[in-house]
Amino acid sequence: AISAASEGARLAAAHDRGLPEGEARTRDLLEASVGGLPAKVDAATATVGGAEAVVVEVEVPVPVFGLWGVGAIHVQAHALKEVHRG
């Protein structure tokens, strides 16, 4: 979940990409890694140290017995928004 959130944040922060693309990339990576577990993915902009950034949050249930879990993993990834100067 951590690497999926990080990759989604980096993609969404690219100067020619946006939040929907970052969310979609995160979902694709989660589907490939955790299969059919329901994942909640949210992407938003934020300010980090005075710079515009993208934040991707992921929540995935923790399976204990098969697909039944008792909790969830919550991760958050940040990437600074690229600025195109050309």
PDB file of N, CA and C in Angstrom:
ATOM      1  N   ALA A   1       0.818  -1.191   0.000  1.00  0.00           N
ATOM      2  CA  ALA A   1       0.000   0.000   0.000  1.00  0.00           C
ATOM      3  C   ALA A   1       0.862   1.255   0.000  1.00  0.00           C
ATOM      4  N   ILE A   2       2.008   1.194   0.676  1.00  0.00           N
ATOM      5  CA  ILE A   2       2.882   2.362   0.739  1.00  0.00           C
ATOM      6  C   ILE A   2       3.436   2.694  -0.638  1.00  0.00           C
ATOM      7  N   SER A   3       3.937   1.691  -1.345  1.00  0.00           N
ATOM      8  CA  SER A   3       4.511   1.967  -2.662  1.00  0.00           C
ATOM      9  C   SER A   3       3.441   2.400  -3.657  1.00  0.00           C
ATOM     10  N   ALA A   4       2.237   1.858  -3.556  1.00  0.00           N
ATOM     11  CA  ALA A   4       1.146   2.265  -4.452  1.00  0.00           C
ATOM     12  C   ALA A   4       0.776   3.724  -4.219  1.00  0.00           C
ATOM     13  N   ALA A   5       0.680   4.131  -2.956  1.00  0.00           N
ATOM     14  CA  ALA A   5       0.358   5.523  -2.636  1.00  0.00           C
ATOM     15  C   ALA A   5       1.463   6.456  -3.110  1.00  0.00           C
ATOM     16  N   SER A   6       2.715   6.065  -2.921  1.00  0.00           N
ATOM     17  CA  SER A   6       3.843   6.894  -3.354  1.00  0.00           C
ATOM     18  C   SER A   6       3.861   7.073  -4.863  1.00  0.00           C
ATOM     19  N   GLU A   7       3.669   5.979  -5.581  1.00  0.00           N
ATOM     20  CA  GLU A   7       3.653   6.048  -7.044  1.00  0.00           C
ATOM     21  C   GLU A   7       2.498   6.908  -7.535  1.00  0.00           C
ATOM     22  N   GLY A   8       1.326   6.770  -6.929  1.00  0.00           N
ATOM     23  CA  GLY A   8       0.179   7.588  -7.309  1.00  0.00           C
ATOM     24  C   GLY A   8       0.411   9.061  -7.048  1.00  0.00           C
ATOM     25  N   ALA A   9       1.036   9.383  -5.917  1.00  0.00           N
ATOM     26  CA  ALA A   9       1.332  10.786  -5.595  1.00  0.00           C
ATOM     27  C   ALA A   9       2.331  11.370  -6.587  1.00  0.00           C
ATOM     28  N   ARG A  10       3.368  10.611  -6.927  1.00  0.00           N
ATOM     29  CA  ARG A  10       4.359  11.103  -7.900  1.00  0.00           C
ATOM     30  C   ARG A  10       3.725  11.354  -9.260  1.00  0.00           C
ATOM     31  N   LEU A  11       2.854  10.448  -9.696  1.00  0.00           N
ATOM     32  CA  LEU A  11       2.205  10.630 -10.993  1.00  0.00           C
ATOM     33  C   LEU A  11       1.295  11.848 -10.973  1.00  0.00           C
ATOM     34  N   ALA A  12       0.492  11.993  -9.936  1.00  0.00           N
ATOM     35  CA  ALA A  12      -0.430  13.128  -9.847  1.00  0.00           C
ATOM     36  C   ALA A  12       0.308  14.456  -9.740  1.00  0.00           C
ATOM     37  N   ALA A  13       1.533  14.437  -9.222  1.00  0.00           N
ATOM     38  CA  ALA A  13       2.312  15.661  -9.050  1.00  0.00           C
ATOM     39  C   ALA A  13       3.046  16.084 -10.318  1.00  0.00           C
ATOM     40  N   ALA A  14       3.093  15.224 -11.325  1.00  0.00           N
ATOM     41  CA  ALA A  14       3.761  15.587 -12.584  1.00  0.00           C
ATOM     42  C   ALA A  14       3.039  16.767 -13.221  1.00  0.00           C
ATOM     43  N   HIS A  15       3.799  17.639 -13.891  1.00  0.00           N
ATOM     44  CA  HIS A  15       3.201  18.883 -14.396  1.00  0.00           C
ATOM     45  C   HIS A  15       2.103  18.658 -15.430  1.00  0.00           C
ATOM     46  N   ASP A  16       2.121  17.534 -16.118  1.00  0.00           N
ATOM     47  CA  ASP A  16       1.120  17.276 -17.159  1.00  0.00           C
ATOM     48  C   ASP A  16       0.087  16.229 -16.735  1.00  0.00           C
ATOM     49  N   ARG A  17      -0.001  15.955 -15.435  1.00  0.00           N
ATOM     50  CA  ARG A  17      -0.943  14.962 -14.913  1.00  0.00           C
ATOM     51  C   ARG A  17      -1.789  15.586 -13.816  1.00  0.00           C
ATOM     52  N   GLY A  18      -2.764  14.810 -13.316  1.00  0.00           N
ATOM     53  CA  GLY A  18      -3.653  15.352 -12.295  1.00  0.00           C
ATOM     54  C   GLY A  18      -4.042  14.326 -11.252  1.00  0.00           C
ATOM     55  N   LEU A  19      -4.874  14.759 -10.319  1.00  0.00           N
ATOM     56  CA  LEU A  19      -5.305  13.901  -9.215  1.00  0.00           C
ATOM     57  C   LEU A  19      -6.019  12.633  -9.678  1.00  0.00           C
ATOM     58  N   PRO A  20      -6.937  12.711 -10.671  1.00  0.00           N
ATOM     59  CA  PRO A  20      -7.614  11.475 -11.098  1.00  0.00           C
ATOM     60  C   PRO A  20      -6.641  10.414 -11.621  1.00  0.00           C
ATOM     61  N   GLU A  21      -5.590  10.853 -12.317  1.00  0.00           N
ATOM     62  CA  GLU A  21      -4.610   9.888 -12.834  1.00  0.00           C
ATOM     63  C   GLU A  21      -3.802   9.258 -11.697  1.00  0.00           C
ATOM     64  N   GLY A  22      -3.493  10.046 -10.686  1.00  0.00           N
ATOM     65  CA  GLY A  22      -2.781   9.508  -9.530  1.00  0.00           C
ATOM     66  C   GLY A  22      -3.617   8.511  -8.757  1.00  0.00           C
ATOM     67  N   GLU A  23      -4.905   8.831  -8.583  1.00  0.00           N
ATOM     68  CA  GLU A  23      -5.813   7.894  -7.905  1.00  0.00           C
ATOM     69  C   GLU A  23      -5.941   6.599  -8.698  1.00  0.00           C
ATOM     70  N   ALA A  24      -6.100   6.717 -10.016  1.00  0.00           N
ATOM     71  CA  ALA A  24      -6.260   5.527 -10.861  1.00  0.00           C
ATOM     72  C   ALA A  24      -5.017   4.647 -10.811  1.00  0.00           C
ATOM     73  N   ARG A  25      -3.831   5.260 -10.853  1.00  0.00           N
ATOM     74  CA  ARG A  25      -2.581   4.495 -10.796  1.00  0.00           C
ATOM     75  C   ARG A  25      -2.468   3.768  -9.450  1.00  0.00           C
ATOM     76  N   THR A  26      -2.827   4.459  -8.392  1.00  0.00           N
ATOM     77  CA  THR A  26      -2.788   3.850  -7.061  1.00  0.00           C
ATOM     78  C   THR A  26      -3.724   2.649  -7.000  1.00  0.00           C
ATOM     79  N   ARG A  27      -4.941   2.804  -7.509  1.00  0.00           N
ATOM     80  CA  ARG A  27      -5.911   1.699  -7.515  1.00  0.00           C
ATOM     81  C   ARG A  27      -5.398   0.511  -8.331  1.00  0.00           C
ATOM     82  N   ASP A  28      -4.800   0.791  -9.498  1.00  0.00           N
ATOM     83  CA  ASP A  28      -4.259  -0.283 -10.336  1.00  0.00           C
ATOM     84  C   ASP A  28      -3.176  -1.069  -9.591  1.00  0.00           C
ATOM     85  N   LEU A  29      -2.274  -0.356  -8.930  1.00  0.00           N
ATOM     86  CA  LEU A  29      -1.201  -1.024  -8.198  1.00  0.00           C
ATOM     87  C   LEU A  29      -1.736  -1.816  -7.009  1.00  0.00           C
ATOM     88  N   LEU A  30      -2.732  -1.271  -6.327  1.00  0.00           N
ATOM     89  CA  LEU A  30      -3.338  -2.005  -5.211  1.00  0.00           C
ATOM     90  C   LEU A  30      -4.042  -3.263  -5.697  1.00  0.00           C
ATOM     91  N   GLU A  31      -4.739  -3.160  -6.810  1.00  0.00           N
ATOM     92  CA  GLU A  31      -5.431  -4.325  -7.372  1.00  0.00           C
ATOM     93  C   GLU A  31      -4.428  -5.430  -7.699  1.00  0.00           C
ATOM     94  N   ALA A  32      -3.268  -5.043  -8.228  1.00  0.00           N
ATOM     95  CA  ALA A  32      -2.244  -6.022  -8.575  1.00  0.00           C
ATOM     96  C   ALA A  32      -1.594  -6.637  -7.334  1.00  0.00           C
ATOM     97  N   SER A  33      -1.564  -5.896  -6.219  1.00  0.00           N
ATOM     98  CA  SER A  33      -0.857  -6.402  -5.043  1.00  0.00           C
ATOM     99  C   SER A  33      -1.767  -7.028  -3.983  1.00  0.00           C
ATOM    100  N   VAL A  34      -2.947  -6.474  -3.758  1.00  0.00           N
ATOM    101  CA  VAL A  34      -3.820  -7.024  -2.716  1.00  0.00           C
ATOM    102  C   VAL A  34      -5.086  -7.649  -3.272  1.00  0.00           C
ATOM    103  N   GLY A  35      -5.170  -7.756  -4.576  1.00  0.00           N
ATOM    104  CA  GLY A  35      -6.295  -8.437  -5.201  1.00  0.00           C
ATOM    105  C   GLY A  35      -7.627  -7.781  -4.971  1.00  0.00           C
ATOM    106  N   GLY A  36      -8.596  -8.565  -4.523  1.00  0.00           N
ATOM    107  CA  GLY A  36      -9.961  -8.085  -4.412  1.00  0.00           C
ATOM    108  C   GLY A  36     -10.304  -7.373  -3.115  1.00  0.00           C
ATOM    109  N   LEU A  37      -9.320  -7.065  -2.289  1.00  0.00           N
ATOM    110  CA  LEU A  37      -9.631  -6.351  -1.053  1.00  0.00           C
ATOM    111  C   LEU A  37     -10.107  -4.937  -1.378  1.00  0.00           C
ATOM    112  N   PRO A  38     -11.167  -4.482  -0.741  1.00  0.00           N
ATOM    113  CA  PRO A  38     -11.673  -3.138  -1.024  1.00  0.00           C
ATOM    114  C   PRO A  38     -10.729  -2.082  -0.457  1.00  0.00           C
ATOM    115  N   ALA A  39     -10.258  -1.203  -1.314  1.00  0.00           N
ATOM    116  CA  ALA A  39      -9.334  -0.155  -0.887  1.00  0.00           C
ATOM    117  C   ALA A  39      -9.981   1.206  -1.078  1.00  0.00           C
ATOM    118  N   LYS A  40      -9.750   2.079  -0.125  1.00  0.00           N
ATOM    119  CA  LYS A  40     -10.219   3.458  -0.234  1.00  0.00           C
ATOM    120  C   LYS A  40      -9.012   4.305  -0.630  1.00  0.00           C
ATOM    121  N   VAL A  41      -9.137   5.053  -1.731  1.00  0.00           N
ATOM    122  CA  VAL A  41      -8.045   5.890  -2.229  1.00  0.00           C
ATOM    123  C   VAL A  41      -8.559   7.307  -2.409  1.00  0.00           C
ATOM    124  N   ASP A  42      -7.845   8.268  -1.833  1.00  0.00           N
ATOM    125  CA  ASP A  42      -8.185   9.680  -1.983  1.00  0.00           C
ATOM    126  C   ASP A  42      -6.923  10.452  -2.333  1.00  0.00           C
ATOM    127  N   ALA A  43      -7.032  11.374  -3.288  1.00  0.00           N
ATOM    128  CA  ALA A  43      -5.921  12.257  -3.644  1.00  0.00           C
ATOM    129  C   ALA A  43      -6.388  13.695  -3.505  1.00  0.00           C
ATOM    130  N   ALA A  44      -5.498  14.537  -3.005  1.00  0.00           N
ATOM    131  CA  ALA A  44      -5.826  15.947  -2.809  1.00  0.00           C
ATOM    132  C   ALA A  44      -4.546  16.768  -2.899  1.00  0.00           C
ATOM    133  N   THR A  45      -4.711  18.071  -3.051  1.00  0.00           N
ATOM    134  CA  THR A  45      -3.559  18.958  -3.012  1.00  0.00           C
ATOM    135  C   THR A  45      -3.401  19.503  -1.599  1.00  0.00           C
ATOM    136  N   ALA A  46      -2.176  19.863  -1.267  1.00  0.00           N
ATOM    137  CA  ALA A  46      -1.865  20.410   0.053  1.00  0.00           C
ATOM    138  C   ALA A  46      -0.656  21.324  -0.086  1.00  0.00           C
ATOM    139  N   THR A  47      -0.332  22.022   0.963  1.00  0.00           N
ATOM    140  CA  THR A  47       0.870  22.844   0.992  1.00  0.00           C
ATOM    141  C   THR A  47       1.848  22.218   1.971  1.00  0.00           C
ATOM    142  N   VAL A  48       3.055  21.948   1.494  1.00  0.00           N
ATOM    143  CA  VAL A  48       4.099  21.346   2.318  1.00  0.00           C
ATOM    144  C   VAL A  48       5.310  22.276   2.277  1.00  0.00           C
ATOM    145  N   GLY A  49       5.639  22.871   3.388  1.00  0.00           N
ATOM    146  CA  GLY A  49       6.782  23.779   3.439  1.00  0.00           C
ATOM    147  C   GLY A  49       6.644  24.961   2.498  1.00  0.00           C
ATOM    148  N   GLY A  50       5.428  25.411   2.271  1.00  0.00           N
ATOM    149  CA  GLY A  50       5.180  26.538   1.383  1.00  0.00           C
ATOM    150  C   GLY A  50       5.070  26.178  -0.087  1.00  0.00           C
ATOM    151  N   ALA A  51       5.227  24.907  -0.418  1.00  0.00           N
ATOM    152  CA  ALA A  51       5.146  24.464  -1.814  1.00  0.00           C
ATOM    153  C   ALA A  51       3.886  23.627  -2.020  1.00  0.00           C
ATOM    154  N   GLU A  52       3.338  23.693  -3.249  1.00  0.00           N
ATOM    155  CA  GLU A  52       2.159  22.888  -3.569  1.00  0.00           C
ATOM    156  C   GLU A  52       2.568  21.424  -3.692  1.00  0.00           C
ATOM    157  N   ALA A  53       1.767  20.556  -3.103  1.00  0.00           N
ATOM    158  CA  ALA A  53       2.060  19.129  -3.110  1.00  0.00           C
ATOM    159  C   ALA A  53       0.786  18.333  -3.344  1.00  0.00           C
ATOM    160  N   VAL A  54       0.971  17.060  -3.628  1.00  0.00           N
ATOM    161  CA  VAL A  54      -0.134  16.112  -3.770  1.00  0.00           C
ATOM    162  C   VAL A  54      -0.043  15.124  -2.615  1.00  0.00           C
ATOM    163  N   VAL A  55      -1.184  14.817  -2.035  1.00  0.00           N
ATOM    164  CA  VAL A  55      -1.264  13.834  -0.954  1.00  0.00           C
ATOM    165  C   VAL A  55      -2.195  12.718  -1.411  1.00  0.00           C
ATOM    166  N   VAL A  56      -1.720  11.488  -1.356  1.00  0.00           N
ATOM    167  CA  VAL A  56      -2.553  10.325  -1.669  1.00  0.00           C
ATOM    168  C   VAL A  56      -2.685   9.508  -0.392  1.00  0.00           C
ATOM    169  N   GLU A  57      -3.929   9.263   0.008  1.00  0.00           N
ATOM    170  CA  GLU A  57      -4.215   8.462   1.200  1.00  0.00           C
ATOM    171  C   GLU A  57      -4.850   7.146   0.775  1.00  0.00           C
ATOM    172  N   VAL A  58      -4.404   6.072   1.406  1.00  0.00           N
ATOM    173  CA  VAL A  58      -4.908   4.732   1.095  1.00  0.00           C
ATOM    174  C   VAL A  58      -5.302   4.045   2.393  1.00  0.00           C
ATOM    175  N   GLU A  59      -6.445   3.390   2.359  1.00  0.00           N
ATOM    176  CA  GLU A  59      -6.878   2.555   3.482  1.00  0.00           C
ATOM    177  C   GLU A  59      -7.271   1.195   2.922  1.00  0.00           C
ATOM    178  N   VAL A  60      -6.624   0.149   3.433  1.00  0.00           N
ATOM    179  CA  VAL A  60      -6.858  -1.219   2.965  1.00  0.00           C
ATOM    180  C   VAL A  60      -7.096  -2.105   4.183  1.00  0.00           C
ATOM    181  N   PRO A  61      -8.134  -2.955   4.151  1.00  0.00           N
ATOM    182  CA  PRO A  61      -8.361  -3.863   5.282  1.00  0.00           C
ATOM    183  C   PRO A  61      -7.223  -4.866   5.425  1.00  0.00           C
ATOM    184  N   VAL A  62      -6.969  -5.251   6.666  1.00  0.00           N
ATOM    185  CA  VAL A  62      -5.930  -6.235   6.952  1.00  0.00           C
ATOM    186  C   VAL A  62      -6.584  -7.604   7.040  1.00  0.00           C
ATOM    187  N   PRO A  63      -6.252  -8.516   6.112  1.00  0.00           N
ATOM    188  CA  PRO A  63      -6.851  -9.854   6.179  1.00  0.00           C
ATOM    189  C   PRO A  63      -6.184 -10.699   7.267  1.00  0.00           C
ATOM    190  N   VAL A  64      -7.004 -11.345   8.081  1.00  0.00           N
ATOM    191  CA  VAL A  64      -6.483 -12.229   9.118  1.00  0.00           C
ATOM    192  C   VAL A  64      -6.748 -13.677   8.722  1.00  0.00           C
ATOM    193  N   PHE A  65      -8.004 -13.977   8.408  1.00  0.00           N
ATOM    194  CA  PHE A  65      -8.384 -15.314   7.957  1.00  0.00           C
ATOM    195  C   PHE A  65      -9.017 -15.175   6.588  1.00  0.00           C
ATOM    196  N   GLY A  66      -8.262 -15.462   5.554  1.00  0.00           N
ATOM    197  CA  GLY A  66      -8.793 -15.294   4.203  1.00  0.00           C
ATOM    198  C   GLY A  66      -9.054 -13.827   3.925  1.00  0.00           C
ATOM    199  N   LEU A  67     -10.298 -13.493   3.653  1.00  0.00           N
ATOM    200  CA  LEU A  67     -10.648 -12.112   3.338  1.00  0.00           C
ATOM    201  C   LEU A  67     -11.301 -11.385   4.509  1.00  0.00           C
ATOM    202  N   TRP A  68     -11.336 -12.007   5.698  1.00  0.00           N
ATOM    203  CA  TRP A  68     -11.947 -11.356   6.856  1.00  0.00           C
ATOM    204  C   TRP A  68     -10.861 -10.698   7.685  1.00  0.00           C
ATOM    205  N   GLY A  69     -11.016  -9.435   7.951  1.00  0.00           N
ATOM    206  CA  GLY A  69     -10.004  -8.717   8.704  1.00  0.00           C
ATOM    207  C   GLY A  69     -10.574  -8.085   9.955  1.00  0.00           C
ATOM    208  N   VAL A  70      -9.697  -7.597  10.789  1.00  0.00           N
ATOM    209  CA  VAL A  70     -10.114  -6.957  12.030  1.00  0.00           C
ATOM    210  C   VAL A  70      -9.687  -5.495  12.085  1.00  0.00           C
ATOM    211  N   GLY A  71      -9.040  -5.020  11.063  1.00  0.00           N
ATOM    212  CA  GLY A  71      -8.554  -3.648  11.063  1.00  0.00           C
ATOM    213  C   GLY A  71      -8.196  -3.212   9.663  1.00  0.00           C
ATOM    214  N   ALA A  72      -7.461  -2.126   9.587  1.00  0.00           N
ATOM    215  CA  ALA A  72      -7.067  -1.600   8.286  1.00  0.00           C
ATOM    216  C   ALA A  72      -5.691  -0.958   8.384  1.00  0.00           C
ATOM    217  N   ILE A  73      -5.018  -0.915   7.253  1.00  0.00           N
ATOM    218  CA  ILE A  73      -3.763  -0.184   7.123  1.00  0.00           C
ATOM    219  C   ILE A  73      -4.106   1.156   6.497  1.00  0.00           C
ATOM    220  N   HIS A  74      -3.620   2.228   7.096  1.00  0.00           N
ATOM    221  CA  HIS A  74      -3.845   3.569   6.562  1.00  0.00           C
ATOM    222  C   HIS A  74      -2.475   4.180   6.278  1.00  0.00           C
ATOM    223  N   VAL A  75      -2.231   4.529   5.007  1.00  0.00           N
ATOM    224  CA  VAL A  75      -0.956   5.153   4.639  1.00  0.00           C
ATOM    225  C   VAL A  75      -1.224   6.453   3.899  1.00  0.00           C
ATOM    226  N   GLN A  76      -0.228   7.317   3.931  1.00  0.00           N
ATOM    227  CA  GLN A  76      -0.328   8.615   3.273  1.00  0.00           C
ATOM    228  C   GLN A  76       1.009   8.892   2.591  1.00  0.00           C
ATOM    229  N   ALA A  77       0.962   9.308   1.325  1.00  0.00           N
ATOM    230  CA  ALA A  77       2.176   9.642   0.582  1.00  0.00           C
ATOM    231  C   ALA A  77       2.067  11.062   0.052  1.00  0.00           C
ATOM    232  N   HIS A  78       3.204  11.759   0.019  1.00  0.00           N
ATOM    233  CA  HIS A  78       3.256  13.137  -0.461  1.00  0.00           C
ATOM    234  C   HIS A  78       4.260  13.244  -1.604  1.00  0.00           C
ATOM    235  N   ALA A  79       3.986  14.129  -2.546  1.00  0.00           N
ATOM    236  CA  ALA A  79       4.932  14.453  -3.612  1.00  0.00           C
ATOM    237  C   ALA A  79       4.758  15.927  -3.952  1.00  0.00           C
ATOM    238  N   LEU A  80       5.874  16.633  -4.104  1.00  0.00           N
ATOM    239  CA  LEU A  80       5.800  18.040  -4.475  1.00  0.00           C
ATOM    240  C   LEU A  80       5.348  18.176  -5.918  1.00  0.00           C
ATOM    241  N   LYS A  81       4.455  19.110  -6.169  1.00  0.00           N
ATOM    242  CA  LYS A  81       3.902  19.347  -7.501  1.00  0.00           C
ATOM    243  C   LYS A  81       4.999  19.910  -8.399  1.00  0.00           C
ATOM    244  N   GLU A  82       5.176  19.321  -9.581  1.00  0.00           N
ATOM    245  CA  GLU A  82       6.154  19.828 -10.543  1.00  0.00           C
ATOM    246  C   GLU A  82       5.676  21.150 -11.120  1.00  0.00           C
ATOM    247  N   VAL A  83       6.612  22.044 -11.345  1.00  0.00           N
ATOM    248  CA  VAL A  83       6.306  23.334 -11.960  1.00  0.00           C
ATOM    249  C   VAL A  83       6.965  23.354 -13.326  1.00  0.00           C
ATOM    250  N   HIS A  84       6.161  23.526 -14.361  1.00  0.00           N
ATOM    251  CA  HIS A  84       6.687  23.566 -15.726  1.00  0.00           C
ATOM    252  C   HIS A  84       7.085  24.997 -16.061  1.00  0.00           C
ATOM    253  N   ARG A  85       8.328  25.204 -16.383  1.00  0.00           N
ATOM    254  CA  ARG A  85       8.826  26.542 -16.712  1.00  0.00           C
ATOM    255  C   ARG A  85       9.314  26.548 -18.156  1.00  0.00           C
ATOM    256  N   GLY A  86       8.395  26.444 -19.062  1.00  0.00           N
ATOM    257  CA  GLY A  86       8.857  26.395 -20.436  1.00  0.00           C
ATOM    258  C   GLY A  86       7.906  26.903 -21.355  1.00  0.00           C
TER     259      GLY A  86
END
